[in-house]
Amino acid sequence: MSKGNFWGTPFGGFFDCNGDGQEDFGELWLAEQLFEDLSDWRSEVEDGSAYGLFPEDYATREAYEDALADAKRGQKTRHTRNGPPAE
């Protein structure tokens, strides 16, 4: 019987990539990254509609937040709900 480790198998072994029977830190990090990508970040970000920005128009939280920060500073963004800003 194996002694186990600190991490155990919180995901029931689903992320046990190396087959050692335990989910180690690296495997749990991978799980977190996958779940983070699957989470609906669009419902968690600041409302940018006052600037014409909408989260559903962005592939990533980072791109949306960068565009919102630019808009708040009065800079043109690379993408808005109606397409790229006029030059």
N, C-alpha and C. Protein backbone atom coordinates (compact mmCIF):
# COMPACT_ATOMS: atom_id res chain seq x y z
N MET A 1 0.84 -1.17 0.00
CA MET A 1 0.00 0.00 0.00
C MET A 1 0.89 1.23 0.00
N SER A 2 0.59 2.17 -0.90
CA SER A 2 1.43 3.36 -0.99
C SER A 2 1.14 4.33 0.14
N LYS A 3 2.17 5.03 0.52
CA LYS A 3 2.08 5.96 1.64
C LYS A 3 1.33 7.23 1.25
N GLY A 4 1.36 7.61 -0.02
CA GLY A 4 0.71 8.84 -0.46
C GLY A 4 1.62 10.04 -0.27
N ASN A 5 1.13 11.18 -0.64
CA ASN A 5 1.90 12.40 -0.44
C ASN A 5 0.98 13.51 0.01
N PHE A 6 1.53 14.68 0.17
CA PHE A 6 0.78 15.83 0.64
C PHE A 6 -0.41 16.15 -0.26
N TRP A 7 -0.24 16.01 -1.55
CA TRP A 7 -1.28 16.42 -2.51
C TRP A 7 -2.42 15.42 -2.61
N GLY A 8 -2.14 14.14 -2.50
CA GLY A 8 -3.20 13.14 -2.62
C GLY A 8 -3.78 13.10 -4.02
N THR A 9 -5.07 12.84 -4.09
CA THR A 9 -5.74 12.81 -5.39
C THR A 9 -7.05 13.60 -5.30
N PRO A 10 -6.97 14.93 -5.24
CA PRO A 10 -8.19 15.73 -5.10
C PRO A 10 -9.13 15.62 -6.28
N PHE A 11 -8.61 15.24 -7.44
CA PHE A 11 -9.46 15.09 -8.62
C PHE A 11 -9.67 13.63 -8.96
N GLY A 12 -9.52 12.77 -7.98
CA GLY A 12 -9.75 11.34 -8.17
C GLY A 12 -8.77 10.68 -9.12
N GLY A 13 -7.60 11.28 -9.29
CA GLY A 13 -6.60 10.71 -10.17
C GLY A 13 -6.74 11.13 -11.62
N PHE A 14 -7.73 11.95 -11.93
CA PHE A 14 -7.96 12.35 -13.32
C PHE A 14 -6.75 13.06 -13.92
N PHE A 15 -6.04 13.84 -13.11
CA PHE A 15 -4.89 14.58 -13.61
C PHE A 15 -3.56 13.92 -13.25
N ASP A 16 -3.60 12.65 -12.93
CA ASP A 16 -2.38 11.90 -12.64
C ASP A 16 -1.71 11.55 -13.97
N CYS A 17 -1.02 12.52 -14.53
CA CYS A 17 -0.44 12.38 -15.87
C CYS A 17 0.69 11.36 -15.94
N ASN A 18 1.46 11.22 -14.87
CA ASN A 18 2.59 10.29 -14.92
C ASN A 18 2.25 8.90 -14.38
N GLY A 19 1.02 8.68 -13.96
CA GLY A 19 0.56 7.36 -13.56
C GLY A 19 1.14 6.84 -12.25
N ASP A 20 1.60 7.75 -11.37
CA ASP A 20 2.17 7.29 -10.11
C ASP A 20 1.13 7.13 -9.01
N GLY A 21 -0.14 7.35 -9.32
CA GLY A 21 -1.20 7.18 -8.35
C GLY A 21 -1.48 8.41 -7.51
N GLN A 22 -0.74 9.47 -7.72
CA GLN A 22 -0.92 10.71 -6.98
C GLN A 22 -0.95 11.88 -7.96
N GLU A 23 -1.64 12.94 -7.58
CA GLU A 23 -1.62 14.17 -8.37
C GLU A 23 -0.65 15.12 -7.67
N ASP A 24 0.51 15.36 -8.27
CA ASP A 24 1.50 16.22 -7.65
C ASP A 24 1.24 17.69 -7.99
N PHE A 25 2.10 18.56 -7.50
CA PHE A 25 1.91 20.00 -7.68
C PHE A 25 1.78 20.38 -9.16
N GLY A 26 2.63 19.85 -10.01
CA GLY A 26 2.59 20.17 -11.43
C GLY A 26 1.29 19.73 -12.08
N GLU A 27 0.82 18.57 -11.72
CA GLU A 27 -0.43 18.06 -12.27
C GLU A 27 -1.62 18.87 -11.78
N LEU A 28 -1.58 19.30 -10.52
CA LEU A 28 -2.65 20.14 -9.99
C LEU A 28 -2.61 21.53 -10.60
N TRP A 29 -1.40 22.02 -10.90
CA TRP A 29 -1.27 23.31 -11.57
C TRP A 29 -1.92 23.23 -12.96
N LEU A 30 -1.67 22.14 -13.67
CA LEU A 30 -2.28 21.93 -14.98
C LEU A 30 -3.80 21.92 -14.85
N ALA A 31 -4.32 21.25 -13.85
CA ALA A 31 -5.77 21.20 -13.63
C ALA A 31 -6.32 22.60 -13.39
N GLU A 32 -5.62 23.38 -12.58
CA GLU A 32 -6.08 24.73 -12.30
C GLU A 32 -6.10 25.58 -13.56
N GLN A 33 -5.07 25.45 -14.39
CA GLN A 33 -5.02 26.21 -15.64
C GLN A 33 -6.18 25.84 -16.56
N LEU A 34 -6.49 24.57 -16.65
CA LEU A 34 -7.61 24.13 -17.49
C LEU A 34 -8.93 24.64 -16.96
N PHE A 35 -9.14 24.56 -15.66
CA PHE A 35 -10.38 25.04 -15.08
C PHE A 35 -10.51 26.55 -15.19
N GLU A 36 -9.38 27.25 -15.06
CA GLU A 36 -9.41 28.70 -15.19
C GLU A 36 -9.81 29.09 -16.61
N ASP A 37 -9.29 28.36 -17.60
CA ASP A 37 -9.65 28.64 -18.99
C ASP A 37 -11.13 28.37 -19.25
N LEU A 38 -11.70 27.42 -18.52
CA LEU A 38 -13.09 27.06 -18.73
C LEU A 38 -14.06 27.93 -17.93
N SER A 39 -13.54 28.66 -16.94
CA SER A 39 -14.43 29.48 -16.12
C SER A 39 -14.95 30.66 -16.94
N ASP A 40 -16.09 31.15 -16.55
CA ASP A 40 -16.69 32.26 -17.27
C ASP A 40 -16.20 33.58 -16.68
N TRP A 41 -15.02 33.99 -17.10
CA TRP A 41 -14.43 35.22 -16.60
C TRP A 41 -15.24 36.44 -17.00
N ARG A 42 -16.04 36.32 -18.05
CA ARG A 42 -16.79 37.47 -18.55
C ARG A 42 -17.82 37.99 -17.54
N SER A 43 -18.28 37.13 -16.66
CA SER A 43 -19.25 37.57 -15.66
C SER A 43 -18.56 38.18 -14.43
N GLU A 44 -17.24 38.09 -14.38
CA GLU A 44 -16.50 38.55 -13.22
C GLU A 44 -15.78 39.88 -13.42
N VAL A 45 -15.72 40.38 -14.66
CA VAL A 45 -14.93 41.59 -14.93
C VAL A 45 -15.77 42.85 -14.81
N GLU A 46 -15.09 43.97 -14.72
CA GLU A 46 -15.74 45.26 -14.62
C GLU A 46 -16.53 45.57 -15.89
N ASP A 47 -17.66 46.22 -15.72
CA ASP A 47 -18.51 46.60 -16.85
C ASP A 47 -17.83 47.70 -17.67
N GLY A 48 -17.63 47.44 -18.95
CA GLY A 48 -16.98 48.42 -19.82
C GLY A 48 -17.91 49.02 -20.83
N SER A 49 -19.23 48.81 -20.66
CA SER A 49 -20.19 49.29 -21.67
C SER A 49 -20.17 50.82 -21.81
N ALA A 50 -19.80 51.53 -20.76
CA ALA A 50 -19.71 53.00 -20.85
C ALA A 50 -18.63 53.42 -21.84
N TYR A 51 -17.69 52.53 -22.10
CA TYR A 51 -16.61 52.80 -23.06
C TYR A 51 -16.84 52.08 -24.38
N GLY A 52 -17.98 51.43 -24.51
CA GLY A 52 -18.27 50.67 -25.72
C GLY A 52 -17.54 49.34 -25.78
N LEU A 53 -17.13 48.83 -24.63
CA LEU A 53 -16.41 47.55 -24.57
C LEU A 53 -17.29 46.49 -23.92
N PHE A 54 -17.26 45.30 -24.49
CA PHE A 54 -18.08 44.20 -24.01
C PHE A 54 -17.22 42.94 -23.93
N PRO A 55 -17.21 42.27 -22.79
CA PRO A 55 -16.35 41.09 -22.60
C PRO A 55 -16.54 40.00 -23.65
N GLU A 56 -17.76 39.84 -24.14
CA GLU A 56 -17.98 38.76 -25.12
C GLU A 56 -17.26 38.99 -26.43
N ASP A 57 -16.72 40.19 -26.63
CA ASP A 57 -15.96 40.48 -27.84
C ASP A 57 -14.48 40.13 -27.71
N TYR A 58 -14.07 39.63 -26.56
CA TYR A 58 -12.67 39.34 -26.31
C TYR A 58 -12.46 37.88 -25.97
N ALA A 59 -11.36 37.33 -26.45
CA ALA A 59 -11.06 35.92 -26.22
C ALA A 59 -10.50 35.68 -24.82
N THR A 60 -9.82 36.69 -24.25
CA THR A 60 -9.21 36.50 -22.95
C THR A 60 -9.53 37.65 -22.01
N ARG A 61 -9.47 37.36 -20.73
CA ARG A 61 -9.67 38.39 -19.70
C ARG A 61 -8.61 39.48 -19.85
N GLU A 62 -7.38 39.06 -20.10
CA GLU A 62 -6.27 40.01 -20.21
C GLU A 62 -6.51 41.00 -21.35
N ALA A 63 -6.94 40.53 -22.50
CA ALA A 63 -7.19 41.42 -23.64
C ALA A 63 -8.31 42.41 -23.32
N TYR A 64 -9.37 41.94 -22.67
CA TYR A 64 -10.47 42.82 -22.31
C TYR A 64 -10.02 43.87 -21.30
N GLU A 65 -9.31 43.43 -20.26
CA GLU A 65 -8.87 44.36 -19.23
C GLU A 65 -7.87 45.38 -19.78
N ASP A 66 -7.02 44.95 -20.72
CA ASP A 66 -6.09 45.89 -21.36
C ASP A 66 -6.87 46.94 -22.16
N ALA A 67 -7.87 46.51 -22.90
CA ALA A 67 -8.67 47.43 -23.70
C ALA A 67 -9.44 48.39 -22.78
N LEU A 68 -9.96 47.89 -21.67
CA LEU A 68 -10.69 48.73 -20.73
C LEU A 68 -9.76 49.76 -20.09
N ALA A 69 -8.55 49.33 -19.73
CA ALA A 69 -7.58 50.27 -19.15
C ALA A 69 -7.21 51.35 -20.16
N ASP A 70 -7.02 50.96 -21.43
CA ASP A 70 -6.74 51.93 -22.48
C ASP A 70 -7.89 52.91 -22.64
N ALA A 71 -9.10 52.41 -22.62
CA ALA A 71 -10.28 53.27 -22.78
C ALA A 71 -10.39 54.26 -21.63
N LYS A 72 -10.09 53.80 -20.43
CA LYS A 72 -10.16 54.69 -19.27
C LYS A 72 -9.12 55.80 -19.35
N ARG A 73 -7.99 55.50 -19.98
CA ARG A 73 -6.94 56.51 -20.16
C ARG A 73 -7.20 57.38 -21.39
N GLY A 74 -8.27 57.09 -22.11
CA GLY A 74 -8.61 57.88 -23.29
C GLY A 74 -7.88 57.46 -24.55
N GLN A 75 -7.24 56.30 -24.50
CA GLN A 75 -6.54 55.80 -25.68
C GLN A 75 -7.48 54.96 -26.52
N LYS A 76 -7.21 54.93 -27.80
CA LYS A 76 -8.00 54.08 -28.69
C LYS A 76 -7.68 52.62 -28.41
N THR A 77 -8.70 51.79 -28.47
CA THR A 77 -8.48 50.36 -28.27
C THR A 77 -8.37 49.69 -29.63
N ARG A 78 -7.82 48.49 -29.60
CA ARG A 78 -7.65 47.74 -30.85
C ARG A 78 -8.96 47.13 -31.33
N HIS A 79 -9.93 47.01 -30.44
CA HIS A 79 -11.17 46.33 -30.82
C HIS A 79 -12.30 46.81 -29.94
N THR A 80 -13.44 47.08 -30.51
CA THR A 80 -14.64 47.42 -29.76
C THR A 80 -15.77 46.56 -30.28
N ARG A 81 -16.95 46.74 -29.71
CA ARG A 81 -18.11 45.95 -30.12
C ARG A 81 -18.41 46.16 -31.61
N ASN A 82 -18.14 47.33 -32.12
CA ASN A 82 -18.43 47.64 -33.53
C ASN A 82 -17.22 47.47 -34.43
N GLY A 83 -16.20 46.79 -33.96
CA GLY A 83 -15.00 46.57 -34.77
C GLY A 83 -13.89 47.50 -34.35
N PRO A 84 -12.80 47.51 -35.10
CA PRO A 84 -11.65 48.35 -34.76
C PRO A 84 -12.01 49.82 -34.79
N PRO A 85 -11.38 50.63 -33.95
CA PRO A 85 -11.68 52.06 -33.96
C PRO A 85 -11.25 52.72 -35.26
N ALA A 86 -11.92 53.79 -35.62
CA ALA A 86 -11.56 54.52 -36.84
C ALA A 86 -10.23 55.20 -36.63
N GLU A 87 -9.41 55.17 -37.63
CA GLU A 87 -8.10 55.82 -37.54
C GLU A 87 -8.17 57.26 -37.94
